[in-house]
Structures are given as C-alpha cells and as structure tokens.
Amino acid sequence: MMGWLLEPLTYPFMVRGLIASLLVGTVCAVLGTYVVLKGMAFFGDALAHAILPGVAVAYLAGWPLFAGALVTGIGVAVGIGYLTRRGRIKEDTAIGILFSGAFALGIALLSTVEAYTVDLTHFLFGNVLGVSPADLWTTGALGGIVLLLVAALYKEFLVMAFDPVLAQVLRLPTTFLHYLLLVMLAATVVVALQTVGVALTVAMLVTPAATAYLLTRRLLPMMALAAFLGSFSAVAGLSLSFSLNVASGPAVVLICTALFLLALFFSPRRGVVWGWLRRAEG
C-alpha cells in the first residue's frame, strides 16, 4: 500500500499535482460545508459552467485562464446575488438565466477557434498532471485567501447558515456576508479548475461535505472531516489514476463518491443499514 502511494512521488509533475490536489480537496471541502448546509449545490454547478466565457476570452487573448475564469466567476456570482437579494426573481430562476446565458456566450466564443475542443479539454475534465509551478502558486494563493476568510468569519457564517433571522437580529452585515460567500465560492471554483475541471467541480464542493454531514452534527468537526475526506480522495484518486492510467479528475471524484456511499449505508446515526436494523429490532 505504501509503495502504491509513494511511487508517484518520484516524478516532479506528480508532486506538483499532489500538492494541487491537496489544496483543492481541502478548500472545496471546507467551503462546501456552507454549500451543503445552505442548499447551494445548484449554484456551485451553475457557477462552474458560467465561467466559460471568461476562460474563452482569456484563451483567445493569450491571457492566463485563471484570470478570465476568476473575473467572470465573480461577476456571475455577484449578478445572481443581486437579482436574488433585490427580490425581482427567485434564486433558481436567476441562476438558470445567467448560467445558460454565460455558458452560451462561452460556447459561441470558443466556436471561433478551430482546435478549441482539444486545447481546452483540461478545462472540462481537469489536468492535474499538467500543473505548473505558477499554477500551483495561484491555486495556493486563492485557496489560502478563502480559508483565511472562513476562519476569520467563522461565527458570522455559522449564524447565517443555521439561522438567517438571528443574523439580522444580531445586526450582522448579512448582505455583505452573502456577497462575500458568493465571491469565495467563485474563487473556489476557479481553484478547482486545473485539478478536476468544470464538469466535476461541483462534486468536490458537495460530496466530501455531504459525507461529513452524515457522520457529524457540528459545523467545525464537519469542516475538519470534510477537509480530510477531500484531501484523502485527492491523494488516492491521483495515485489511482497513475496506476491505472485513467483521467485524474474523474478518479478523484469516484473516490469521493465511494466514501459518500459508505457513509450513506454505514453511518452510525444516519446510515441506511443501521436504520434497517433498528426497524427490524423494533
């Protein structure tokens, strides 16, 4: 087992990929706890696809894809938040409108490039083995900022997640915190781009946090457990992809999904199997 895990570390590109995977697994899982608790999974999925026009513009202009994705992600997140907070339309409607419009714009832009389906495959499915030192620094910086904000505003986000009415009674800056959470989610989506790609980003946001939710009832242990599960899935998935010669992004997500299914069936408090046994005994 140790040889299977350590053999990939003999290659520099695998070491960079491992570090990037650990960063992504941790950041996505920690922020994913709020995504799960606040029912924002659809938002995360839409945001992951809505950054396509930013990536397309950056690709066409020869800029770093991270820059285009981040600017577009923040813009779409703030736009959805604005339409929702103003009460003009419901959140799912705002998400559907901006998601489909931005995604269509991205496809239209990319259709002007003959080889875009090949050149941007890693955008859809990730390319963790192609992480450069510059990509690693960018991922670490964005991920570090997100984690620092989560730590600094832990109590405020805790109240907002469980009791929005209490947050208003305590006169917390709920509007600012709402927009900040959306911006942090956009940054996290961009962080996950290189590792698992757009198609699988929502899985890294939701699955480790949902698994932890089945195993604990407190937010801080849920965050810690989700971060561990996300990191473990990233390392195990990367090693699995190296050994079996399969795509790294899907391998990471499959490990996440397997852990979730184990928790779903065998969790001591909420597991399906234990529920069957309790009903049988009753």
C-alpha atoms as a PDB file:
ATOM      1  CA  MET A   1       0.000   0.000   0.000  1.00  0.00           C
ATOM      2  CA  MET A   2       2.760   2.472   0.923  1.00  0.00           C
ATOM      3  CA  GLY A   3       4.625   1.664  -2.291  1.00  0.00           C
ATOM      4  CA  TRP A   4       1.475   2.279  -4.302  1.00  0.00           C
ATOM      5  CA  LEU A   5       1.030   5.685  -2.666  1.00  0.00           C
ATOM      6  CA  LEU A   6       4.694   6.752  -2.722  1.00  0.00           C
ATOM      7  CA  GLU A   7       5.736   5.589  -6.186  1.00  0.00           C
ATOM      8  CA  PRO A   8       4.154   8.585  -7.993  1.00  0.00           C
ATOM      9  CA  LEU A   9       6.164  10.983  -5.796  1.00  0.00           C
ATOM     10  CA  THR A  10       9.318  10.056  -7.673  1.00  0.00           C
ATOM     11  CA  TYR A  11       8.138  12.307 -10.521  1.00  0.00           C
ATOM     12  CA  PRO A  12       8.208  16.123 -10.091  1.00  0.00           C
ATOM     13  CA  PHE A  13       4.979  16.642 -12.040  1.00  0.00           C
ATOM     14  CA  MET A  14       3.245  14.160  -9.742  1.00  0.00           C
ATOM     15  CA  VAL A  15       4.476  16.046  -6.666  1.00  0.00           C
ATOM     16  CA  ARG A  16       3.051  19.296  -8.054  1.00  0.00           C
ATOM     17  CA  GLY A  17      -0.178  17.529  -8.897  1.00  0.00           C
ATOM     18  CA  LEU A  18      -0.375  16.048  -5.417  1.00  0.00           C
ATOM     19  CA  ILE A  19       0.088  19.434  -3.746  1.00  0.00           C
ATOM     20  CA  ALA A  20      -2.533  20.996  -6.030  1.00  0.00           C
ATOM     21  CA  SER A  21      -4.928  18.131  -5.287  1.00  0.00           C
ATOM     22  CA  LEU A  22      -4.476  18.551  -1.542  1.00  0.00           C
ATOM     23  CA  LEU A  23      -5.153  22.277  -1.810  1.00  0.00           C
ATOM     24  CA  VAL A  24      -8.244  21.781  -3.934  1.00  0.00           C
ATOM     25  CA  GLY A  25      -9.557  18.925  -1.813  1.00  0.00           C
ATOM     26  CA  THR A  26      -9.232  20.988   1.359  1.00  0.00           C
ATOM     27  CA  VAL A  27     -10.573  24.300   0.081  1.00  0.00           C
ATOM     28  CA  CYS A  28     -13.520  22.789  -1.782  1.00  0.00           C
ATOM     29  CA  ALA A  29     -14.490  20.608   1.185  1.00  0.00           C
ATOM     30  CA  VAL A  30     -14.306  23.413   3.764  1.00  0.00           C
ATOM     31  CA  LEU A  31     -16.364  25.869   1.732  1.00  0.00           C
ATOM     32  CA  GLY A  32     -18.557  23.002   0.588  1.00  0.00           C
ATOM     33  CA  THR A  33     -19.943  22.682   4.110  1.00  0.00           C
ATOM     34  CA  TYR A  34     -21.735  26.002   3.599  1.00  0.00           C
ATOM     35  CA  VAL A  35     -22.823  24.889   0.134  1.00  0.00           C
ATOM     36  CA  VAL A  36     -24.436  21.772   1.630  1.00  0.00           C
ATOM     37  CA  LEU A  37     -25.979  23.494   4.648  1.00  0.00           C
ATOM     38  CA  LYS A  38     -27.417  26.380   2.633  1.00  0.00           C
ATOM     39  CA  GLY A  39     -28.604  24.214  -0.277  1.00  0.00           C
ATOM     40  CA  MET A  40     -26.347  25.935  -2.835  1.00  0.00           C
ATOM     41  CA  ALA A  41     -25.276  22.878  -4.833  1.00  0.00           C
ATOM     42  CA  PHE A  42     -27.103  24.073  -7.952  1.00  0.00           C
ATOM     43  CA  PHE A  43     -25.432  27.458  -7.556  1.00  0.00           C
ATOM     44  CA  GLY A  44     -21.994  25.856  -7.475  1.00  0.00           C
ATOM     45  CA  ASP A  45     -22.734  23.741 -10.528  1.00  0.00           C
ATOM     46  CA  ALA A  46     -24.050  26.725 -12.481  1.00  0.00           C
ATOM     47  CA  LEU A  47     -21.108  28.885 -11.478  1.00  0.00           C
ATOM     48  CA  ALA A  48     -18.644  26.230 -12.602  1.00  0.00           C
ATOM     49  CA  HIS A  49     -20.140  26.314 -16.098  1.00  0.00           C
ATOM     50  CA  ALA A  50     -20.831  30.057 -16.229  1.00  0.00           C
ATOM     51  CA  ILE A  51     -17.131  30.951 -16.106  1.00  0.00           C
ATOM     52  CA  LEU A  52     -16.707  29.549 -19.617  1.00  0.00           C
ATOM     53  CA  PRO A  53     -16.847  32.954 -21.394  1.00  0.00           C
ATOM     54  CA  GLY A  54     -14.082  34.309 -19.163  1.00  0.00           C
ATOM     55  CA  VAL A  55     -11.922  31.308 -19.989  1.00  0.00           C
ATOM     56  CA  ALA A  56     -12.722  31.736 -23.679  1.00  0.00           C
ATOM     57  CA  VAL A  57     -11.767  35.423 -23.688  1.00  0.00           C
ATOM     58  CA  ALA A  58      -8.552  34.701 -21.779  1.00  0.00           C
ATOM     59  CA  TYR A  59      -7.713  31.873 -24.191  1.00  0.00           C
ATOM     60  CA  LEU A  60      -8.358  33.994 -27.273  1.00  0.00           C
ATOM     61  CA  ALA A  61      -6.378  36.925 -25.868  1.00  0.00           C
ATOM     62  CA  GLY A  62      -3.486  34.766 -24.686  1.00  0.00           C
ATOM     63  CA  TRP A  63      -4.037  35.613 -21.010  1.00  0.00           C
ATOM     64  CA  PRO A  64      -3.874  33.156 -18.090  1.00  0.00           C
ATOM     65  CA  LEU A  65      -7.079  31.124 -17.940  1.00  0.00           C
ATOM     66  CA  PHE A  66      -7.207  31.658 -14.177  1.00  0.00           C
ATOM     67  CA  ALA A  67      -7.625  35.407 -14.647  1.00  0.00           C
ATOM     68  CA  GLY A  68     -10.523  35.159 -17.072  1.00  0.00           C
ATOM     69  CA  ALA A  69     -12.247  32.484 -15.008  1.00  0.00           C
ATOM     70  CA  LEU A  70     -11.921  34.446 -11.773  1.00  0.00           C
ATOM     71  CA  VAL A  71     -13.259  37.720 -13.198  1.00  0.00           C
ATOM     72  CA  THR A  72     -16.216  36.017 -14.869  1.00  0.00           C
ATOM     73  CA  GLY A  73     -16.943  33.818 -11.859  1.00  0.00           C
ATOM     74  CA  ILE A  74     -17.084  36.790  -9.505  1.00  0.00           C
ATOM     75  CA  GLY A  75     -19.214  38.752 -11.960  1.00  0.00           C
ATOM     76  CA  VAL A  76     -21.750  35.947 -12.396  1.00  0.00           C
ATOM     77  CA  ALA A  77     -21.853  35.242  -8.643  1.00  0.00           C
ATOM     78  CA  VAL A  78     -22.478  38.883  -7.789  1.00  0.00           C
ATOM     79  CA  GLY A  79     -25.068  39.128 -10.583  1.00  0.00           C
ATOM     80  CA  ILE A  80     -27.010  36.151  -9.239  1.00  0.00           C
ATOM     81  CA  GLY A  81     -26.784  37.559  -5.725  1.00  0.00           C
ATOM     82  CA  TYR A  82     -28.025  40.965  -6.867  1.00  0.00           C
ATOM     83  CA  LEU A  83     -31.039  39.604  -8.732  1.00  0.00           C
ATOM     84  CA  THR A  84     -31.923  37.364  -5.791  1.00  0.00           C
ATOM     85  CA  ARG A  85     -31.431  39.894  -2.985  1.00  0.00           C
ATOM     86  CA  ARG A  86     -33.470  42.515  -4.810  1.00  0.00           C
ATOM     87  CA  GLY A  87     -36.357  40.073  -4.849  1.00  0.00           C
ATOM     88  CA  ARG A  88     -37.059  40.558  -8.526  1.00  0.00           C
ATOM     89  CA  ILE A  89     -36.854  36.842  -9.317  1.00  0.00           C
ATOM     90  CA  LYS A  90     -36.206  33.652  -7.379  1.00  0.00           C
ATOM     91  CA  GLU A  91     -32.658  32.377  -6.916  1.00  0.00           C
ATOM     92  CA  ASP A  92     -33.078  29.274  -9.060  1.00  0.00           C
ATOM     93  CA  THR A  93     -34.508  31.411 -11.868  1.00  0.00           C
ATOM     94  CA  ALA A  94     -31.604  33.882 -11.649  1.00  0.00           C
ATOM     95  CA  ILE A  95     -29.137  31.010 -11.675  1.00  0.00           C
ATOM     96  CA  GLY A  96     -30.791  29.440 -14.702  1.00  0.00           C
ATOM     97  CA  ILE A  97     -30.820  32.695 -16.677  1.00  0.00           C
ATOM     98  CA  LEU A  98     -27.227  33.766 -16.002  1.00  0.00           C
ATOM     99  CA  PHE A  99     -25.861  30.218 -16.193  1.00  0.00           C
ATOM    100  CA  SER A 100     -27.381  29.479 -19.586  1.00  0.00           C
ATOM    101  CA  GLY A 101     -26.561  32.928 -20.983  1.00  0.00           C
ATOM    102  CA  ALA A 102     -22.932  32.858 -19.861  1.00  0.00           C
ATOM    103  CA  PHE A 103     -22.424  29.274 -20.979  1.00  0.00           C
ATOM    104  CA  ALA A 104     -23.902  30.013 -24.404  1.00  0.00           C
ATOM    105  CA  LEU A 105     -21.637  33.051 -24.754  1.00  0.00           C
ATOM    106  CA  GLY A 106     -18.607  30.932 -23.898  1.00  0.00           C
ATOM    107  CA  ILE A 107     -19.520  28.288 -26.453  1.00  0.00           C
ATOM    108  CA  ALA A 108     -20.081  30.975 -29.088  1.00  0.00           C
ATOM    109  CA  LEU A 109     -16.649  32.467 -28.417  1.00  0.00           C
ATOM    110  CA  LEU A 110     -14.919  29.095 -28.427  1.00  0.00           C
ATOM    111  CA  SER A 111     -16.619  28.096 -31.673  1.00  0.00           C
ATOM    112  CA  THR A 112     -14.464  30.685 -33.423  1.00  0.00           C
ATOM    113  CA  VAL A 113     -11.361  28.641 -32.584  1.00  0.00           C
ATOM    114  CA  GLU A 114     -10.858  25.546 -34.720  1.00  0.00           C
ATOM    115  CA  ALA A 115      -8.926  23.494 -32.164  1.00  0.00           C
ATOM    116  CA  TYR A 116     -10.716  24.583 -29.014  1.00  0.00           C
ATOM    117  CA  THR A 117     -12.130  21.126 -28.296  1.00  0.00           C
ATOM    118  CA  VAL A 118      -8.611  19.760 -27.937  1.00  0.00           C
ATOM    119  CA  ASP A 119      -6.867  22.717 -26.356  1.00  0.00           C
ATOM    120  CA  LEU A 120      -9.454  23.216 -23.623  1.00  0.00           C
ATOM    121  CA  THR A 121     -10.195  19.609 -22.734  1.00  0.00           C
ATOM    122  CA  HIS A 122      -8.431  20.116 -19.385  1.00  0.00           C
ATOM    123  CA  PHE A 123     -10.858  22.963 -18.669  1.00  0.00           C
ATOM    124  CA  LEU A 124     -13.754  20.495 -18.709  1.00  0.00           C
ATOM    125  CA  PHE A 125     -12.127  17.471 -17.069  1.00  0.00           C
ATOM    126  CA  GLY A 126      -9.039  18.818 -15.326  1.00  0.00           C
ATOM    127  CA  ASN A 127      -5.345  18.352 -15.978  1.00  0.00           C
ATOM    128  CA  VAL A 128      -3.738  17.965 -12.589  1.00  0.00           C
ATOM    129  CA  LEU A 129      -0.634  16.351 -14.087  1.00  0.00           C
ATOM    130  CA  GLY A 130      -0.060  19.492 -16.130  1.00  0.00           C
ATOM    131  CA  VAL A 131       0.035  21.845 -13.132  1.00  0.00           C
ATOM    132  CA  SER A 132       2.946  24.258 -13.468  1.00  0.00           C
ATOM    133  CA  PRO A 133       4.732  25.975 -10.558  1.00  0.00           C
ATOM    134  CA  ALA A 134       2.913  29.210 -11.476  1.00  0.00           C
ATOM    135  CA  ASP A 135      -0.453  27.402 -11.389  1.00  0.00           C
ATOM    136  CA  LEU A 136       0.468  25.960  -8.019  1.00  0.00           C
ATOM    137  CA  TRP A 137       1.249  29.381  -6.569  1.00  0.00           C
ATOM    138  CA  THR A 138      -2.017  30.786  -7.928  1.00  0.00           C
ATOM    139  CA  THR A 139      -4.002  27.883  -6.514  1.00  0.00           C
ATOM    140  CA  GLY A 140      -2.293  28.231  -3.151  1.00  0.00           C
ATOM    141  CA  ALA A 141      -2.903  31.988  -3.009  1.00  0.00           C
ATOM    142  CA  LEU A 142      -6.588  31.798  -3.889  1.00  0.00           C
ATOM    143  CA  GLY A 143      -7.176  28.785  -1.667  1.00  0.00           C
ATOM    144  CA  GLY A 144      -5.314  30.395   1.226  1.00  0.00           C
ATOM    145  CA  ILE A 145      -7.413  33.566   0.981  1.00  0.00           C
ATOM    146  CA  VAL A 146     -10.625  31.531   1.027  1.00  0.00           C
ATOM    147  CA  LEU A 147      -9.532  29.516   4.073  1.00  0.00           C
ATOM    148  CA  LEU A 148      -8.415  32.650   5.931  1.00  0.00           C
ATOM    149  CA  LEU A 149     -11.796  34.284   5.315  1.00  0.00           C
ATOM    150  CA  VAL A 150     -13.610  31.170   6.519  1.00  0.00           C
ATOM    151  CA  ALA A 151     -11.530  31.177   9.714  1.00  0.00           C
ATOM    152  CA  ALA A 152     -11.897  34.928  10.310  1.00  0.00           C
ATOM    153  CA  LEU A 153     -15.671  34.961   9.762  1.00  0.00           C
ATOM    154  CA  TYR A 154     -16.471  31.514  11.123  1.00  0.00           C
ATOM    155  CA  LYS A 155     -19.042  32.691  13.699  1.00  0.00           C
ATOM    156  CA  GLU A 156     -20.779  35.034  11.279  1.00  0.00           C
ATOM    157  CA  PHE A 157     -21.108  32.388   8.584  1.00  0.00           C
ATOM    158  CA  LEU A 158     -22.217  29.882  11.228  1.00  0.00           C
ATOM    159  CA  VAL A 159     -25.159  32.079  12.257  1.00  0.00           C
ATOM    160  CA  MET A 160     -26.080  32.795   8.633  1.00  0.00           C
ATOM    161  CA  ALA A 161     -26.025  29.110   7.736  1.00  0.00           C
ATOM    162  CA  PHE A 162     -28.274  27.927  10.576  1.00  0.00           C
ATOM    163  CA  ASP A 163     -30.443  30.957  11.453  1.00  0.00           C
ATOM    164  CA  PRO A 164     -30.589  33.866   8.969  1.00  0.00           C
ATOM    165  CA  VAL A 165     -33.249  35.576  11.103  1.00  0.00           C
ATOM    166  CA  LEU A 166     -30.946  35.568  14.129  1.00  0.00           C
ATOM    167  CA  ALA A 167     -28.198  37.030  11.959  1.00  0.00           C
ATOM    168  CA  GLN A 168     -30.436  40.000  11.184  1.00  0.00           C
ATOM    169  CA  VAL A 169     -31.427  40.370  14.840  1.00  0.00           C
ATOM    170  CA  LEU A 170     -27.737  40.481  15.779  1.00  0.00           C
ATOM    171  CA  ARG A 171     -27.288  43.146  13.095  1.00  0.00           C
ATOM    172  CA  LEU A 172     -24.679  41.218  11.211  1.00  0.00           C
ATOM    173  CA  PRO A 173     -23.821  42.645   7.767  1.00  0.00           C
ATOM    174  CA  THR A 174     -25.825  39.892   6.081  1.00  0.00           C
ATOM    175  CA  THR A 175     -25.804  41.477   2.621  1.00  0.00           C
ATOM    176  CA  PHE A 176     -22.028  41.893   2.658  1.00  0.00           C
ATOM    177  CA  LEU A 177     -21.512  38.376   4.018  1.00  0.00           C
ATOM    178  CA  HIS A 178     -23.845  36.939   1.378  1.00  0.00           C
ATOM    179  CA  TYR A 179     -21.928  38.562  -1.469  1.00  0.00           C
ATOM    180  CA  LEU A 180     -18.605  37.624   0.121  1.00  0.00           C
ATOM    181  CA  LEU A 181     -19.663  33.981   0.316  1.00  0.00           C
ATOM    182  CA  LEU A 182     -20.600  34.066  -3.358  1.00  0.00           C
ATOM    183  CA  VAL A 183     -17.233  35.577  -4.289  1.00  0.00           C
ATOM    184  CA  MET A 184     -15.451  32.950  -2.179  1.00  0.00           C
ATOM    185  CA  LEU A 185     -17.425  30.251  -3.962  1.00  0.00           C
ATOM    186  CA  ALA A 186     -16.378  31.700  -7.328  1.00  0.00           C
ATOM    187  CA  ALA A 187     -12.728  31.703  -6.240  1.00  0.00           C
ATOM    188  CA  THR A 188     -13.038  28.098  -5.055  1.00  0.00           C
ATOM    189  CA  VAL A 189     -14.493  27.021  -8.393  1.00  0.00           C
ATOM    190  CA  VAL A 190     -11.529  28.636 -10.148  1.00  0.00           C
ATOM    191  CA  VAL A 191      -9.144  26.881  -7.746  1.00  0.00           C
ATOM    192  CA  ALA A 192     -10.650  23.526  -8.736  1.00  0.00           C
ATOM    193  CA  LEU A 193     -10.393  24.217 -12.463  1.00  0.00           C
ATOM    194  CA  GLN A 194      -6.923  22.798 -13.034  1.00  0.00           C
ATOM    195  CA  THR A 195      -7.430  19.699 -10.914  1.00  0.00           C
ATOM    196  CA  VAL A 196     -10.893  18.314 -11.656  1.00  0.00           C
ATOM    197  CA  GLY A 197     -12.208  20.717 -14.298  1.00  0.00           C
ATOM    198  CA  VAL A 198     -15.587  22.358 -14.657  1.00  0.00           C
ATOM    199  CA  ALA A 199     -17.547  19.146 -15.171  1.00  0.00           C
ATOM    200  CA  LEU A 200     -16.502  17.690 -11.810  1.00  0.00           C
ATOM    201  CA  THR A 201     -16.022  20.775  -9.633  1.00  0.00           C
ATOM    202  CA  VAL A 202     -19.455  20.554  -8.047  1.00  0.00           C
ATOM    203  CA  ALA A 203     -18.637  17.015  -6.884  1.00  0.00           C
ATOM    204  CA  MET A 204     -15.594  18.271  -4.962  1.00  0.00           C
ATOM    205  CA  LEU A 205     -17.689  21.046  -3.434  1.00  0.00           C
ATOM    206  CA  VAL A 206     -20.594  18.873  -2.380  1.00  0.00           C
ATOM    207  CA  THR A 207     -19.574  15.223  -1.929  1.00  0.00           C
ATOM    208  CA  PRO A 208     -16.933  15.440   0.875  1.00  0.00           C
ATOM    209  CA  ALA A 209     -19.105  17.916   2.803  1.00  0.00           C
ATOM    210  CA  ALA A 210     -22.209  15.742   2.341  1.00  0.00           C
ATOM    211  CA  THR A 211     -20.252  12.720   3.554  1.00  0.00           C
ATOM    212  CA  ALA A 212     -19.122  14.603   6.656  1.00  0.00           C
ATOM    213  CA  TYR A 213     -22.711  15.770   7.205  1.00  0.00           C
ATOM    214  CA  LEU A 214     -23.772  12.132   7.542  1.00  0.00           C
ATOM    215  CA  LEU A 215     -21.085  11.492  10.163  1.00  0.00           C
ATOM    216  CA  THR A 216     -21.263  14.545  12.443  1.00  0.00           C
ATOM    217  CA  ARG A 217     -23.755  17.193  13.551  1.00  0.00           C
ATOM    218  CA  ARG A 218     -21.428  20.075  14.427  1.00  0.00           C
ATOM    219  CA  LEU A 219     -20.051  22.535  11.902  1.00  0.00           C
ATOM    220  CA  LEU A 220     -16.387  22.633  12.954  1.00  0.00           C
ATOM    221  CA  PRO A 221     -15.958  18.834  13.061  1.00  0.00           C
ATOM    222  CA  MET A 222     -17.890  18.688   9.793  1.00  0.00           C
ATOM    223  CA  MET A 223     -15.407  21.083   8.182  1.00  0.00           C
ATOM    224  CA  ALA A 224     -12.408  19.174   9.525  1.00  0.00           C
ATOM    225  CA  LEU A 225     -13.781  15.806   8.451  1.00  0.00           C
ATOM    226  CA  ALA A 226     -14.775  17.133   5.020  1.00  0.00           C
ATOM    227  CA  ALA A 227     -11.272  18.559   4.538  1.00  0.00           C
ATOM    228  CA  PHE A 228      -9.736  15.204   5.472  1.00  0.00           C
ATOM    229  CA  LEU A 229     -12.065  13.305   3.120  1.00  0.00           C
ATOM    230  CA  GLY A 230     -11.424  15.745   0.295  1.00  0.00           C
ATOM    231  CA  SER A 231      -7.662  15.545   0.762  1.00  0.00           C
ATOM    232  CA  PHE A 232      -7.680  11.755   1.039  1.00  0.00           C
ATOM    233  CA  SER A 233      -9.812  11.471  -2.091  1.00  0.00           C
ATOM    234  CA  ALA A 234      -7.427  13.765  -3.961  1.00  0.00           C
ATOM    235  CA  VAL A 235      -4.335  11.756  -2.997  1.00  0.00           C
ATOM    236  CA  ALA A 236      -5.954   8.358  -3.515  1.00  0.00           C
ATOM    237  CA  GLY A 237      -7.542   9.421  -6.792  1.00  0.00           C
ATOM    238  CA  LEU A 238      -4.256  10.770  -8.116  1.00  0.00           C
ATOM    239  CA  SER A 239      -2.445   7.556  -7.190  1.00  0.00           C
ATOM    240  CA  LEU A 240      -5.243   5.507  -8.744  1.00  0.00           C
ATOM    241  CA  SER A 241      -5.058   7.483 -11.984  1.00  0.00           C
ATOM    242  CA  PHE A 242      -1.283   6.969 -12.076  1.00  0.00           C
ATOM    243  CA  SER A 243      -1.561   3.233 -11.508  1.00  0.00           C
ATOM    244  CA  LEU A 244      -4.493   2.514 -13.830  1.00  0.00           C
ATOM    245  CA  ASN A 245      -3.706   5.177 -16.433  1.00  0.00           C
ATOM    246  CA  VAL A 246      -7.116   6.862 -16.151  1.00  0.00           C
ATOM    247  CA  ALA A 247      -8.039  10.544 -16.016  1.00  0.00           C
ATOM    248  CA  SER A 248      -7.120  12.065 -12.653  1.00  0.00           C
ATOM    249  CA  GLY A 249     -10.176  14.297 -12.176  1.00  0.00           C
ATOM    250  CA  PRO A 250     -12.761  11.521 -12.543  1.00  0.00           C
ATOM    251  CA  ALA A 251     -10.635   9.222 -10.372  1.00  0.00           C
ATOM    252  CA  VAL A 252     -10.665  11.755  -7.532  1.00  0.00           C
ATOM    253  CA  VAL A 253     -14.428  12.205  -7.799  1.00  0.00           C
ATOM    254  CA  LEU A 254     -15.032   8.447  -7.887  1.00  0.00           C
ATOM    255  CA  ILE A 255     -13.113   8.063  -4.613  1.00  0.00           C
ATOM    256  CA  CYS A 256     -15.241  10.862  -3.118  1.00  0.00           C
ATOM    257  CA  THR A 257     -18.405   9.137  -4.285  1.00  0.00           C
ATOM    258  CA  ALA A 258     -17.326   5.772  -2.889  1.00  0.00           C
ATOM    259  CA  LEU A 259     -16.682   7.328   0.528  1.00  0.00           C
ATOM    260  CA  PHE A 260     -20.096   9.006   0.427  1.00  0.00           C
ATOM    261  CA  LEU A 261     -21.824   5.702  -0.349  1.00  0.00           C
ATOM    262  CA  LEU A 262     -20.021   4.023   2.547  1.00  0.00           C
ATOM    263  CA  ALA A 263     -21.190   6.780   4.897  1.00  0.00           C
ATOM    264  CA  LEU A 264     -24.708   6.674   3.465  1.00  0.00           C
ATOM    265  CA  PHE A 265     -25.072   2.980   4.215  1.00  0.00           C
ATOM    266  CA  PHE A 266     -22.940   2.533   7.342  1.00  0.00           C
ATOM    267  CA  SER A 267     -23.023   5.858   9.207  1.00  0.00           C
ATOM    268  CA  PRO A 268     -23.775   5.038  12.892  1.00  0.00           C
ATOM    269  CA  ARG A 269     -26.548   7.633  13.210  1.00  0.00           C
ATOM    270  CA  ARG A 270     -27.909   8.167   9.712  1.00  0.00           C
ATOM    271  CA  GLY A 271     -26.778   5.062   7.841  1.00  0.00           C
ATOM    272  CA  VAL A 272     -29.315   3.132   5.799  1.00  0.00           C
ATOM    273  CA  VAL A 273     -28.125  -0.240   7.118  1.00  0.00           C
ATOM    274  CA  TRP A 274     -28.412   0.768  10.762  1.00  0.00           C
ATOM    275  CA  GLY A 275     -31.852   2.197  10.030  1.00  0.00           C
ATOM    276  CA  TRP A 276     -32.936  -1.148   8.637  1.00  0.00           C
ATOM    277  CA  LEU A 277     -31.568  -2.951  11.702  1.00  0.00           C
ATOM    278  CA  ARG A 278     -33.320  -0.588  14.139  1.00  0.00           C
ATOM    279  CA  ARG A 279     -36.620  -1.051  12.336  1.00  0.00           C
ATOM    280  CA  ALA A 280     -36.134  -4.836  12.294  1.00  0.00           C
ATOM    281  CA  GLU A 281     -35.462  -4.881  16.040  1.00  0.00           C
ATOM    282  CA  GLY A 282     -38.482  -2.674  16.699  1.00  0.00           C
END
